[in-house]
C-alpha atoms as a PDB file:
ATOM      1  CA  MET A   1      91.513 132.798 112.593  1.00  0.00           C
ATOM      2  CA  SER A   2      88.083 132.368 114.125  1.00  0.00           C
ATOM      3  CA  LYS A   3      86.577 131.070 117.307  1.00  0.00           C
ATOM      4  CA  ASN A   4      84.974 127.609 117.282  1.00  0.00           C
ATOM      5  CA  GLU A   5      81.830 127.205 119.341  1.00  0.00           C
ATOM      6  CA  TYR A   6      80.745 123.888 120.742  1.00  0.00           C
ATOM      7  CA  ILE A   7      77.273 122.916 119.624  1.00  0.00           C
ATOM      8  CA  GLY A   8      75.276 122.556 122.805  1.00  0.00           C
ATOM      9  CA  GLN A   9      75.140 124.384 126.103  1.00  0.00           C
ATOM     10  CA  LYS A  10      78.885 124.778 126.539  1.00  0.00           C
ATOM     11  CA  LYS A  11      81.017 127.121 124.483  1.00  0.00           C
ATOM     12  CA  CYS A  12      84.534 126.230 123.431  1.00  0.00           C
ATOM     13  CA  GLU A  13      87.040 129.059 123.888  1.00  0.00           C
ATOM     14  CA  LEU A  14      89.731 127.646 121.592  1.00  0.00           C
ATOM     15  CA  VAL A  15      90.910 129.998 118.862  1.00  0.00           C
ATOM     16  CA  LEU A  16      92.057 127.873 115.924  1.00  0.00           C
ATOM     17  CA  GLU A  17      92.987 128.169 112.278  1.00  0.00           C
ATOM     18  CA  GLU A  18      90.239 127.292 109.820  1.00  0.00           C
ATOM     19  CA  HIS A  19      90.631 126.467 106.146  1.00  0.00           C
ATOM     20  CA  LEU A  20      87.743 126.473 103.714  1.00  0.00           C
ATOM     21  CA  ILE A  21      88.434 123.908 100.986  1.00  0.00           C
ATOM     22  CA  GLU A  22      85.869 124.657  98.306  1.00  0.00           C
ATOM     23  CA  LYS A  23      87.169 122.064  95.847  1.00  0.00           C
ATOM     24  CA  PRO A  24      89.386 118.997  96.261  1.00  0.00           C
ATOM     25  CA  ARG A  25      93.036 119.233  95.280  1.00  0.00           C
ATOM     26  CA  ILE A  26      92.364 116.503  92.695  1.00  0.00           C
ATOM     27  CA  PRO A  27      89.016 115.944  90.903  1.00  0.00           C
ATOM     28  CA  ALA A  28      87.106 113.414  92.985  1.00  0.00           C
ATOM     29  CA  ILE A  29      84.934 110.406  92.206  1.00  0.00           C
ATOM     30  CA  ASP A  30      82.365 109.881  94.951  1.00  0.00           C
ATOM     31  CA  VAL A  31      81.636 106.143  95.060  1.00  0.00           C
ATOM     32  CA  HIS A  32      78.803 106.375  97.593  1.00  0.00           C
ATOM     33  CA  THR A  33      75.864 108.670  96.819  1.00  0.00           C
ATOM     34  CA  HIS A  34      72.087 108.252  96.842  1.00  0.00           C
ATOM     35  CA  LEU A  35      69.976 109.772  94.074  1.00  0.00           C
ATOM     36  CA  GLY A  36      66.859 107.666  94.565  1.00  0.00           C
ATOM     37  CA  ARG A  37      64.410 106.260  97.095  1.00  0.00           C
ATOM     38  CA  MET A  38      66.920 105.444  99.830  1.00  0.00           C
ATOM     39  CA  LEU A  39      67.159 108.986 101.179  1.00  0.00           C
ATOM     40  CA  LEU A  40      64.652 110.935  99.089  1.00  0.00           C
ATOM     41  CA  GLY A  41      61.545 108.767  99.141  1.00  0.00           C
ATOM     42  CA  GLU A  42      59.245 107.358  96.485  1.00  0.00           C
ATOM     43  CA  ASP A  43      58.809 110.679  94.665  1.00  0.00           C
ATOM     44  CA  TYR A  44      62.548 111.293  94.296  1.00  0.00           C
ATOM     45  CA  GLU A  45      62.220 112.288  90.620  1.00  0.00           C
ATOM     46  CA  SER A  46      60.403 115.483  91.602  1.00  0.00           C
ATOM     47  CA  ARG A  47      62.868 116.466  94.302  1.00  0.00           C
ATOM     48  CA  TYR A  48      65.781 117.496  92.124  1.00  0.00           C
ATOM     49  CA  ASP A  49      66.714 118.417  88.574  1.00  0.00           C
ATOM     50  CA  THR A  50      69.421 116.059  87.347  1.00  0.00           C
ATOM     51  CA  ALA A  51      71.185 118.642  85.188  1.00  0.00           C
ATOM     52  CA  GLN A  52      71.330 121.112  88.071  1.00  0.00           C
ATOM     53  CA  ILE A  53      72.687 118.511  90.485  1.00  0.00           C
ATOM     54  CA  VAL A  54      75.375 117.432  88.028  1.00  0.00           C
ATOM     55  CA  ALA A  55      76.392 121.063  87.519  1.00  0.00           C
ATOM     56  CA  ALA A  56      76.527 121.656  91.272  1.00  0.00           C
ATOM     57  CA  ALA A  57      78.582 118.519  91.860  1.00  0.00           C
ATOM     58  CA  ARG A  58      81.028 119.488  89.129  1.00  0.00           C
ATOM     59  CA  ASN A  59      81.290 122.924  90.697  1.00  0.00           C
ATOM     60  CA  CYS A  60      82.275 121.177  93.936  1.00  0.00           C
ATOM     61  CA  GLY A  61      85.156 119.496  92.116  1.00  0.00           C
ATOM     62  CA  LEU A  62      83.645 116.113  91.362  1.00  0.00           C
ATOM     63  CA  GLU A  63      84.638 114.184  88.266  1.00  0.00           C
ATOM     64  CA  ALA A  64      81.876 111.596  88.694  1.00  0.00           C
ATOM     65  CA  MET A  65      79.557 110.114  91.273  1.00  0.00           C
ATOM     66  CA  VAL A  66      78.360 106.573  91.860  1.00  0.00           C
ATOM     67  CA  ASN A  67      74.616 106.416  92.442  1.00  0.00           C
ATOM     68  CA  LEU A  68      73.815 103.379  94.590  1.00  0.00           C
ATOM     69  CA  ASP A  69      70.042 103.621  94.175  1.00  0.00           C
ATOM     70  CA  GLY A  70      69.558 101.794  90.881  1.00  0.00           C
ATOM     71  CA  GLU A  71      67.860  98.908  92.686  1.00  0.00           C
ATOM     72  CA  TYR A  72      66.284  96.361  90.307  1.00  0.00           C
ATOM     73  CA  GLU A  73      63.619  95.768  87.667  1.00  0.00           C
ATOM     74  CA  GLY A  74      61.139  98.677  87.403  1.00  0.00           C
ATOM     75  CA  HIS A  75      63.009 100.764  89.940  1.00  0.00           C
ATOM     76  CA  PHE A  76      66.177 100.387  87.902  1.00  0.00           C
ATOM     77  CA  ASP A  77      64.352 101.555  84.786  1.00  0.00           C
ATOM     78  CA  ARG A  78      63.080 104.636  86.661  1.00  0.00           C
ATOM     79  CA  MET A  79      66.593 105.574  87.729  1.00  0.00           C
ATOM     80  CA  ILE A  80      67.984 105.117  84.238  1.00  0.00           C
ATOM     81  CA  ARG A  81      65.334 107.506  82.934  1.00  0.00           C
ATOM     82  CA  LYS A  82      66.072 110.014  85.699  1.00  0.00           C
ATOM     83  CA  THR A  83      69.804 110.073  84.930  1.00  0.00           C
ATOM     84  CA  GLU A  84      69.541 109.793  81.135  1.00  0.00           C
ATOM     85  CA  GLY A  85      72.057 111.971  79.341  1.00  0.00           C
ATOM     86  CA  PHE A  86      74.476 112.048  82.281  1.00  0.00           C
ATOM     87  CA  GLU A  87      75.727 108.473  82.233  1.00  0.00           C
ATOM     88  CA  GLU A  88      79.409 109.452  82.138  1.00  0.00           C
ATOM     89  CA  PHE A  89      79.031 111.520  85.300  1.00  0.00           C
ATOM     90  CA  ILE A  90      76.421 109.468  87.175  1.00  0.00           C
ATOM     91  CA  ILE A  91      77.554 105.843  87.416  1.00  0.00           C
ATOM     92  CA  THR A  92      74.589 103.713  88.429  1.00  0.00           C
ATOM     93  CA  PHE A  93      74.808 100.610  90.595  1.00  0.00           C
ATOM     94  CA  GLY A  94      71.887  98.191  90.668  1.00  0.00           C
ATOM     95  CA  SER A  95      70.770  95.186  92.658  1.00  0.00           C
ATOM     96  CA  VAL A  96      68.433  92.192  92.700  1.00  0.00           C
ATOM     97  CA  ASP A  97      65.409  91.374  94.838  1.00  0.00           C
ATOM     98  CA  LEU A  98      66.866  89.385  97.730  1.00  0.00           C
ATOM     99  CA  THR A  99      63.444  88.512  99.105  1.00  0.00           C
ATOM    100  CA  ARG A 100      63.166  85.958  96.289  1.00  0.00           C
ATOM    101  CA  PHE A 101      66.135  83.924  97.539  1.00  0.00           C
ATOM    102  CA  GLU A 102      64.035  80.874  98.484  1.00  0.00           C
ATOM    103  CA  GLN A 103      62.208  80.673  95.180  1.00  0.00           C
ATOM    104  CA  PRO A 104      63.281  77.746  92.959  1.00  0.00           C
ATOM    105  CA  ASP A 105      64.091  80.016  90.019  1.00  0.00           C
ATOM    106  CA  PHE A 106      66.246  82.422  92.057  1.00  0.00           C
ATOM    107  CA  ASP A 107      69.478  81.594  90.202  1.00  0.00           C
ATOM    108  CA  SER A 108      67.810  82.132  86.840  1.00  0.00           C
ATOM    109  CA  TYR A 109      66.168  85.338  88.051  1.00  0.00           C
ATOM    110  CA  VAL A 110      69.495  86.745  89.285  1.00  0.00           C
ATOM    111  CA  CYS A 111      71.337  85.978  86.054  1.00  0.00           C
ATOM    112  CA  LYS A 112      68.622  87.417  83.838  1.00  0.00           C
ATOM    113  CA  THR A 113      68.245  90.538  85.972  1.00  0.00           C
ATOM    114  CA  ILE A 114      71.959  91.287  86.097  1.00  0.00           C
ATOM    115  CA  ASP A 115      72.427  90.621  82.372  1.00  0.00           C
ATOM    116  CA  ARG A 116      69.536  92.945  81.534  1.00  0.00           C
ATOM    117  CA  GLN A 117      70.655  95.752  83.820  1.00  0.00           C
ATOM    118  CA  VAL A 118      74.216  95.555  82.541  1.00  0.00           C
ATOM    119  CA  SER A 119      72.840  95.975  79.018  1.00  0.00           C
ATOM    120  CA  LEU A 120      71.093  99.140  80.239  1.00  0.00           C
ATOM    121  CA  GLY A 121      74.221 100.610  81.797  1.00  0.00           C
ATOM    122  CA  MET A 122      74.628  99.125  85.268  1.00  0.00           C
ATOM    123  CA  ARG A 123      78.273  99.494  86.387  1.00  0.00           C
ATOM    124  CA  GLY A 124      78.222  97.801  89.771  1.00  0.00           C
ATOM    125  CA  MET A 125      75.949  96.361  92.462  1.00  0.00           C
ATOM    126  CA  LYS A 126      74.839  97.554  95.886  1.00  0.00           C
ATOM    127  CA  PHE A 127      73.513  95.544  98.822  1.00  0.00           C
ATOM    128  CA  TRP A 128      72.261  97.083 102.035  1.00  0.00           C
ATOM    129  CA  LYS A 129      72.050  95.894 105.626  1.00  0.00           C
ATOM    130  CA  ILE A 130      68.652  94.275 105.025  1.00  0.00           C
ATOM    131  CA  LEU A 131      70.972  91.369 104.238  1.00  0.00           C
ATOM    132  CA  GLY A 132      71.719  90.071 107.724  1.00  0.00           C
ATOM    133  CA  LEU A 133      69.496  92.442 109.691  1.00  0.00           C
ATOM    134  CA  SER A 134      66.077  92.422 108.048  1.00  0.00           C
ATOM    135  CA  ILE A 135      65.227  89.707 105.513  1.00  0.00           C
ATOM    136  CA  LYS A 136      64.192  86.386 107.029  1.00  0.00           C
ATOM    137  CA  ASP A 137      63.817  82.915 105.592  1.00  0.00           C
ATOM    138  CA  SER A 138      60.713  80.750 105.829  1.00  0.00           C
ATOM    139  CA  ARG A 139      61.866  79.433 109.226  1.00  0.00           C
ATOM    140  CA  GLY A 140      62.177  82.904 110.712  1.00  0.00           C
ATOM    141  CA  ASN A 141      65.972  83.150 110.569  1.00  0.00           C
ATOM    142  CA  TYR A 142      67.689  86.273 109.314  1.00  0.00           C
ATOM    143  CA  LEU A 143      69.316  85.788 105.916  1.00  0.00           C
ATOM    144  CA  ARG A 144      73.099  85.687 106.297  1.00  0.00           C
ATOM    145  CA  ALA A 145      75.381  87.600 103.953  1.00  0.00           C
ATOM    146  CA  ASP A 146      77.440  84.438 103.480  1.00  0.00           C
ATOM    147  CA  ASP A 147      74.439  82.206 102.711  1.00  0.00           C
ATOM    148  CA  GLU A 148      75.391  79.850  99.866  1.00  0.00           C
ATOM    149  CA  ARG A 149      72.089  80.536  98.124  1.00  0.00           C
ATOM    150  CA  LEU A 150      73.392  84.015  97.316  1.00  0.00           C
ATOM    151  CA  ASN A 151      76.574  82.781  95.632  1.00  0.00           C
ATOM    152  CA  VAL A 152      75.004  83.164  92.218  1.00  0.00           C
ATOM    153  CA  ILE A 153      74.992  86.943  92.774  1.00  0.00           C
ATOM    154  CA  TRP A 154      78.669  87.210  93.599  1.00  0.00           C
ATOM    155  CA  HIS A 155      79.663  84.846  90.764  1.00  0.00           C
ATOM    156  CA  LYS A 156      77.566  86.753  88.241  1.00  0.00           C
ATOM    157  CA  ALA A 157      79.015  90.061  89.405  1.00  0.00           C
ATOM    158  CA  ALA A 158      82.515  88.672  88.927  1.00  0.00           C
ATOM    159  CA  GLU A 159      81.590  87.422  85.452  1.00  0.00           C
ATOM    160  CA  HIS A 160      80.624  90.959  84.435  1.00  0.00           C
ATOM    161  CA  LYS A 161      83.518  92.486  86.424  1.00  0.00           C
ATOM    162  CA  LEU A 162      81.008  94.458  88.491  1.00  0.00           C
ATOM    163  CA  PRO A 163      82.237  95.766  91.856  1.00  0.00           C
ATOM    164  CA  VAL A 164      79.859  95.012  94.714  1.00  0.00           C
ATOM    165  CA  LEU A 165      79.420  97.741  97.318  1.00  0.00           C
ATOM    166  CA  ILE A 166      78.015  96.157 100.442  1.00  0.00           C
ATOM    167  CA  HIS A 167      76.806  97.640 103.718  1.00  0.00           C
ATOM    168  CA  ILE A 168      76.732  94.836 106.258  1.00  0.00           C
ATOM    169  CA  ALA A 169      76.798  96.448 109.714  1.00  0.00           C
ATOM    170  CA  ASP A 170      76.100  99.762 111.381  1.00  0.00           C
ATOM    171  CA  PRO A 171      78.213 101.451 114.095  1.00  0.00           C
ATOM    172  CA  THR A 172      79.062  99.160 116.990  1.00  0.00           C
ATOM    173  CA  ALA A 173      77.105 101.382 119.381  1.00  0.00           C
ATOM    174  CA  PHE A 174      73.908 100.402 117.541  1.00  0.00           C
ATOM    175  CA  PHE A 175      74.411  96.831 118.758  1.00  0.00           C
ATOM    176  CA  LYS A 176      74.678  97.785 122.427  1.00  0.00           C
ATOM    177  CA  PRO A 177      72.117  98.844 125.048  1.00  0.00           C
ATOM    178  CA  ILE A 178      70.720 102.360 124.714  1.00  0.00           C
ATOM    179  CA  ASP A 179      71.942 103.546 128.090  1.00  0.00           C
ATOM    180  CA  GLN A 180      74.152 106.223 129.618  1.00  0.00           C
ATOM    181  CA  TYR A 181      77.262 104.327 128.506  1.00  0.00           C
ATOM    182  CA  ASN A 182      76.356 104.318 124.807  1.00  0.00           C
ATOM    183  CA  GLU A 183      78.382 106.951 122.951  1.00  0.00           C
ATOM    184  CA  ARG A 184      75.598 107.402 120.354  1.00  0.00           C
ATOM    185  CA  ILE A 185      72.777 107.634 122.883  1.00  0.00           C
ATOM    186  CA  GLU A 186      71.424 110.936 121.544  1.00  0.00           C
ATOM    187  CA  GLU A 187      71.171 109.527 118.025  1.00  0.00           C
ATOM    188  CA  LEU A 188      69.582 106.279 119.174  1.00  0.00           C
ATOM    189  CA  ARG A 189      67.059 108.057 121.365  1.00  0.00           C
ATOM    190  CA  GLU A 190      66.007 110.089 118.352  1.00  0.00           C
ATOM    191  CA  HIS A 191      65.972 106.996 116.108  1.00  0.00           C
ATOM    192  CA  PRO A 192      65.287 103.981 118.358  1.00  0.00           C
ATOM    193  CA  ASP A 193      64.560 101.840 115.293  1.00  0.00           C
ATOM    194  CA  TRP A 194      68.260 102.120 114.411  1.00  0.00           C
ATOM    195  CA  SER A 195      69.135  99.930 117.387  1.00  0.00           C
ATOM    196  CA  PHE A 196      69.979  96.300 116.591  1.00  0.00           C
ATOM    197  CA  TYR A 197      70.516  95.261 120.189  1.00  0.00           C
ATOM    198  CA  GLY A 198      68.781  92.045 121.155  1.00  0.00           C
ATOM    199  CA  GLU A 199      65.525  90.883 119.547  1.00  0.00           C
ATOM    200  CA  GLY A 200      67.180  87.729 118.193  1.00  0.00           C
ATOM    201  CA  ARG A 201      69.257  89.639 115.661  1.00  0.00           C
ATOM    202  CA  TYR A 202      72.839  88.796 114.795  1.00  0.00           C
ATOM    203  CA  ALA A 203      75.394  90.476 117.024  1.00  0.00           C
ATOM    204  CA  PHE A 204      78.095  92.677 115.519  1.00  0.00           C
ATOM    205  CA  PRO A 205      80.833  89.975 115.739  1.00  0.00           C
ATOM    206  CA  GLN A 206      78.567  87.534 113.905  1.00  0.00           C
ATOM    207  CA  LEU A 207      78.038  90.028 111.089  1.00  0.00           C
ATOM    208  CA  MET A 208      81.779  90.538 110.838  1.00  0.00           C
ATOM    209  CA  GLU A 209      82.267  86.784 110.591  1.00  0.00           C
ATOM    210  CA  MET A 210      79.800  86.724 107.687  1.00  0.00           C
ATOM    211  CA  GLN A 211      81.604  89.619 106.048  1.00  0.00           C
ATOM    212  CA  GLU A 212      84.913  87.804 106.300  1.00  0.00           C
ATOM    213  CA  ASN A 213      83.396  84.595 104.900  1.00  0.00           C
ATOM    214  CA  LEU A 214      81.961  86.539 101.981  1.00  0.00           C
ATOM    215  CA  LEU A 215      85.384  87.948 101.121  1.00  0.00           C
ATOM    216  CA  ALA A 216      87.202  84.640 101.594  1.00  0.00           C
ATOM    217  CA  ASN A 217      84.755  82.550  99.569  1.00  0.00           C
ATOM    218  CA  ASN A 218      84.486  84.898  96.578  1.00  0.00           C
ATOM    219  CA  GLU A 219      88.045  85.802  95.654  1.00  0.00           C
ATOM    220  CA  LYS A 220      87.124  86.737  92.066  1.00  0.00           C
ATOM    221  CA  THR A 221      84.525  89.292  93.182  1.00  0.00           C
ATOM    222  CA  THR A 222      85.612  92.832  94.047  1.00  0.00           C
ATOM    223  CA  PHE A 223      83.867  94.075  97.182  1.00  0.00           C
ATOM    224  CA  ILE A 224      83.747  97.662  98.386  1.00  0.00           C
ATOM    225  CA  VAL A 225      82.840  97.278 102.059  1.00  0.00           C
ATOM    226  CA  ALA A 226      81.064 100.507 102.898  1.00  0.00           C
ATOM    227  CA  HIS A 227      81.593 102.739 105.898  1.00  0.00           C
ATOM    228  CA  CYS A 228      85.260 101.921 106.400  1.00  0.00           C
ATOM    229  CA  GLY A 229      84.886  98.171 106.207  1.00  0.00           C
ATOM    230  CA  SER A 230      81.954  98.209 108.673  1.00  0.00           C
ATOM    231  CA  TYR A 231      84.292  99.014 111.563  1.00  0.00           C
ATOM    232  CA  SER A 232      85.503 102.619 111.588  1.00  0.00           C
ATOM    233  CA  GLU A 233      85.917 102.326 115.350  1.00  0.00           C
ATOM    234  CA  ASN A 234      88.689  99.725 114.907  1.00  0.00           C
ATOM    235  CA  LEU A 235      90.983 100.560 111.984  1.00  0.00           C
ATOM    236  CA  ALA A 236      93.563  98.021 113.115  1.00  0.00           C
ATOM    237  CA  GLN A 237      91.053  95.244 112.487  1.00  0.00           C
ATOM    238  CA  VAL A 238      90.018  96.715 109.123  1.00  0.00           C
ATOM    239  CA  GLY A 239      93.693  96.753 108.203  1.00  0.00           C
ATOM    240  CA  LYS A 240      93.996  93.064 109.045  1.00  0.00           C
ATOM    241  CA  TRP A 241      91.103  92.293 106.701  1.00  0.00           C
ATOM    242  CA  LEU A 242      92.642  94.378 103.932  1.00  0.00           C
ATOM    243  CA  ASP A 243      95.907  92.500 104.399  1.00  0.00           C
ATOM    244  CA  ALA A 244      94.110  89.153 104.209  1.00  0.00           C
ATOM    245  CA  TYR A 245      91.687  89.778 101.326  1.00  0.00           C
ATOM    246  CA  ALA A 246      92.971  91.294  98.104  1.00  0.00           C
ATOM    247  CA  ASN A 247      89.396  91.604  96.790  1.00  0.00           C
ATOM    248  CA  MET A 248      88.404  94.007  99.590  1.00  0.00           C
ATOM    249  CA  TYR A 249      88.243  97.781  99.237  1.00  0.00           C
ATOM    250  CA  VAL A 250      86.627 100.259 101.604  1.00  0.00           C
ATOM    251  CA  ASP A 251      84.959 103.628 101.376  1.00  0.00           C
ATOM    252  CA  PHE A 252      84.552 105.993 104.336  1.00  0.00           C
ATOM    253  CA  ALA A 253      81.073 107.290 103.569  1.00  0.00           C
ATOM    254  CA  ASP A 254      79.483 108.985 106.578  1.00  0.00           C
ATOM    255  CA  ARG A 255      82.334 107.913 108.839  1.00  0.00           C
ATOM    256  CA  ILE A 256      84.570 110.981 109.069  1.00  0.00           C
ATOM    257  CA  ASN A 257      82.924 111.472 112.457  1.00  0.00           C
ATOM    258  CA  ASP A 258      84.888 108.416 113.615  1.00  0.00           C
ATOM    259  CA  LEU A 259      88.007 108.850 111.498  1.00  0.00           C
ATOM    260  CA  GLY A 260      88.375 112.486 112.486  1.00  0.00           C
ATOM    261  CA  ARG A 261      88.436 111.797 116.213  1.00  0.00           C
ATOM    262  CA  GLN A 262      91.424 109.460 115.789  1.00  0.00           C
ATOM    263  CA  PRO A 263      93.490 111.548 113.340  1.00  0.00           C
ATOM    264  CA  TYR A 264      96.883 109.937 113.946  1.00  0.00           C
ATOM    265  CA  THR A 265      95.526 106.420 113.520  1.00  0.00           C
ATOM    266  CA  SER A 266      93.427 107.491 110.539  1.00  0.00           C
ATOM    267  CA  ARG A 267      96.307 109.205 108.753  1.00  0.00           C
ATOM    268  CA  ALA A 268      98.476 106.116 109.168  1.00  0.00           C
ATOM    269  CA  PHE A 269      95.596 103.971 107.885  1.00  0.00           C
ATOM    270  CA  PHE A 270      95.177 106.124 104.779  1.00  0.00           C
ATOM    271  CA  GLU A 271      98.909 106.056 104.107  1.00  0.00           C
ATOM    272  CA  ARG A 272      99.273 102.284 104.519  1.00  0.00           C
ATOM    273  CA  TYR A 273      96.136 101.356 102.551  1.00  0.00           C
ATOM    274  CA  GLN A 274      96.144 104.196 100.055  1.00  0.00           C
ATOM    275  CA  ASP A 275      95.568 101.746  97.182  1.00  0.00           C
ATOM    276  CA  ARG A 276      92.428 100.254  98.760  1.00  0.00           C
ATOM    277  CA  ILE A 277      90.470 103.258 100.047  1.00  0.00           C
ATOM    278  CA  LEU A 278      87.789 105.024  98.005  1.00  0.00           C
ATOM    279  CA  PHE A 279      86.319 108.476  98.459  1.00  0.00           C
ATOM    280  CA  GLY A 280      82.656 108.181  99.458  1.00  0.00           C
ATOM    281  CA  THR A 281      80.233 110.418 101.311  1.00  0.00           C
ATOM    282  CA  ASP A 282      76.698 108.941 101.519  1.00  0.00           C
ATOM    283  CA  LEU A 283      75.318 112.292 100.338  1.00  0.00           C
ATOM    284  CA  SER A 284      72.073 112.956  98.506  1.00  0.00           C
ATOM    285  CA  PRO A 285      71.476 115.670  95.885  1.00  0.00           C
ATOM    286  CA  LEU A 286      70.038 117.856  98.634  1.00  0.00           C
ATOM    287  CA  ASP A 287      73.158 117.699 100.813  1.00  0.00           C
ATOM    288  CA  ILE A 288      75.998 118.667  98.478  1.00  0.00           C
ATOM    289  CA  GLY A 289      77.148 121.397 100.849  1.00  0.00           C
ATOM    290  CA  ARG A 290      78.789 118.779 103.068  1.00  0.00           C
ATOM    291  CA  TYR A 291      81.494 118.006 100.500  1.00  0.00           C
ATOM    292  CA  GLN A 292      83.640 120.834 101.827  1.00  0.00           C
ATOM    293  CA  ILE A 293      83.800 119.154 105.249  1.00  0.00           C
ATOM    294  CA  TYR A 294      85.163 115.984 103.647  1.00  0.00           C
ATOM    295  CA  PHE A 295      87.768 117.984 101.706  1.00  0.00           C
ATOM    296  CA  ARG A 296      88.787 119.813 104.876  1.00  0.00           C
ATOM    297  CA  PHE A 297      89.148 116.535 106.776  1.00  0.00           C
ATOM    298  CA  LEU A 298      91.316 114.968 104.066  1.00  0.00           C
ATOM    299  CA  GLU A 299      93.466 117.948 103.087  1.00  0.00           C
ATOM    300  CA  THR A 300      94.090 120.034 106.220  1.00  0.00           C
ATOM    301  CA  PHE A 301      95.413 119.674 109.734  1.00  0.00           C
ATOM    302  CA  ASP A 302      92.581 121.785 111.117  1.00  0.00           C
ATOM    303  CA  GLU A 303      91.610 120.926 114.676  1.00  0.00           C
ATOM    304  CA  TYR A 304      88.372 120.430 116.541  1.00  0.00           C
ATOM    305  CA  PHE A 305      85.828 121.263 113.842  1.00  0.00           C
ATOM    306  CA  ASP A 306      82.318 120.096 113.055  1.00  0.00           C
ATOM    307  CA  TYR A 307      81.876 116.968 110.948  1.00  0.00           C
ATOM    308  CA  SER A 308      78.337 117.968 110.017  1.00  0.00           C
ATOM    309  CA  THR A 309      76.366 121.053 109.030  1.00  0.00           C
ATOM    310  CA  ALA A 310      73.557 120.049 111.415  1.00  0.00           C
ATOM    311  CA  LEU A 311      72.924 122.155 114.496  1.00  0.00           C
ATOM    312  CA  THR A 312      73.302 119.064 116.683  1.00  0.00           C
ATOM    313  CA  PRO A 313      76.015 116.568 115.663  1.00  0.00           C
ATOM    314  CA  PRO A 314      74.066 113.564 114.354  1.00  0.00           C
ATOM    315  CA  GLN A 315      76.675 110.822 114.930  1.00  0.00           C
ATOM    316  CA  GLY A 316      78.164 111.475 118.327  1.00  0.00           C
ATOM    317  CA  ILE A 317      78.615 114.642 120.370  1.00  0.00           C
ATOM    318  CA  TRP A 318      82.190 115.397 119.439  1.00  0.00           C
ATOM    319  CA  LYS A 319      84.308 117.230 116.861  1.00  0.00           C
ATOM    320  CA  ILE A 320      87.022 116.070 114.493  1.00  0.00           C
ATOM    321  CA  TYR A 321      90.552 116.808 113.293  1.00  0.00           C
ATOM    322  CA  GLY A 322      91.969 116.853 109.767  1.00  0.00           C
ATOM    323  CA  VAL A 323      94.459 114.240 108.563  1.00  0.00           C
ATOM    324  CA  GLY A 324      96.345 116.363 106.000  1.00  0.00           C
ATOM    325  CA  LEU A 325      97.032 113.673 103.398  1.00  0.00           C
ATOM    326  CA  GLU A 326      99.893 114.062 100.938  1.00  0.00           C
ATOM    327  CA  PRO A 327      99.032 114.763  97.252  1.00  0.00           C
ATOM    328  CA  GLY A 328      99.998 111.263  96.113  1.00  0.00           C
ATOM    329  CA  VAL A 329      97.684 109.647  98.655  1.00  0.00           C
ATOM    330  CA  LEU A 330      94.897 112.095  97.866  1.00  0.00           C
ATOM    331  CA  SER A 331      95.129 111.284  94.170  1.00  0.00           C
ATOM    332  CA  LYS A 332      94.583 107.583  94.828  1.00  0.00           C
ATOM    333  CA  VAL A 333      91.796 108.099  97.352  1.00  0.00           C
ATOM    334  CA  TYR A 334      89.966 110.775  95.374  1.00  0.00           C
ATOM    335  CA  ARG A 335      89.997 109.122  91.958  1.00  0.00           C
ATOM    336  CA  GLU A 336      92.680 106.609  90.926  1.00  0.00           C
ATOM    337  CA  ASN A 337      91.372 103.703  92.997  1.00  0.00           C
ATOM    338  CA  ALA A 338      87.824 104.312  91.766  1.00  0.00           C
ATOM    339  CA  LEU A 339      88.971 104.451  88.146  1.00  0.00           C
ATOM    340  CA  LYS A 340      90.730 101.112  88.605  1.00  0.00           C
ATOM    341  CA  ILE A 341      87.634  99.421  90.004  1.00  0.00           C
ATOM    342  CA  LEU A 342      85.042 101.074  87.784  1.00  0.00           C
ATOM    343  CA  ARG A 343      87.158 100.803  84.630  1.00  0.00           C
ATOM    344  CA  LYS A 344      85.752 104.177  83.667  1.00  0.00           C
END
C-alpha cells in the first residue's frame, strides 16, 4: 500500500493498492513504435544502439515490435541498415511519398516503391495525419484520405497482404477552440501547433467520414486504425465501425489516458472486440520505461494512477484506472491478433 499524490498543487489523500507489473502476463507484440525520424529526429541512428534496445525490450517482456518509421526510398534504406540483424524482432513498416500524388506517374511510382521495399523486408505500411491535415493539392485543398488517386496504394498493399496502419485524426479536443472549456488546454497551450481548429482544415466529423469511406471502399485491405480507431473518447462509435467493417483493427497507442478514465466502458470494449484490438504504445527507444504503465492498465484493477512518467500529465490533467483483462483476452490483445495480421 502506498499513498498516491496528485501531480500539481493539490495532494490526493487516497491510500490505494499499487501493483508493479514488470512484464506482461503473455509475451507482447507492440504494433506501434517509432525507431526513426518521427520522434528522434534526423540523427536517430546516433541516439540508440539497436542491440541494446532490443535487449531492453525483450527484458520488458516483448516478443517483437513494429517500427512504423521505415518511410520510403532512401529513408527506408537507412532504417533497414539501422535494424539489420534484428529483423525477426523489429518488424518494419514503410510508406510512399504522398506529395507525388498529382504526378502522372504516381501509380507506377507507388507500385515500384512498394515492390522494392517488400523485397527488402517491409511487412506493412504506415500513413500519418499529413493525409487529410497537411498535404494540399495544386488547388490548395487538403488531400483526403479517401481520394481515389490513392487507391493504388491500398490495392497494392492488399496484393502483398500488407496491413496498413493509418493515423487519420488526433483527439477531438484538438479540433475545438483552445479555451477554458477544452479538456486538453494545458497540452494545447504548450503545443499550439497541435490545434486543428479552423484555418480551413477538415473538421473531425469530416475526417471520420473519410476514414469510414476508406474502410468501406477497400474491403480487401487490412487497416489498423491507430489510437483506438481515431476516437478513444467514443468507444461506442468505434464499436459500430468494427461491427460494420471486417477489415478494420485498432491499436490503443498513446490512448490509455482516455481508456483508463472510462474503465467500465473500456473493459467491455476489450471483451467484445478482443479479436480486433492490438497492443500498441507509440513509444520510442528512449521511452521504454512506460511499458509497465500499459501492463498495469491492462492487467490490474488498480485505481487512480498516473498514465505517464512525466511530472505533468501530458494528455489531460487526470489519472486512470486499470481494466483487469482476463488471460484469454490478454493473449489476443498482446500477441495473437498481431500474429494473425503480420503472419509472423
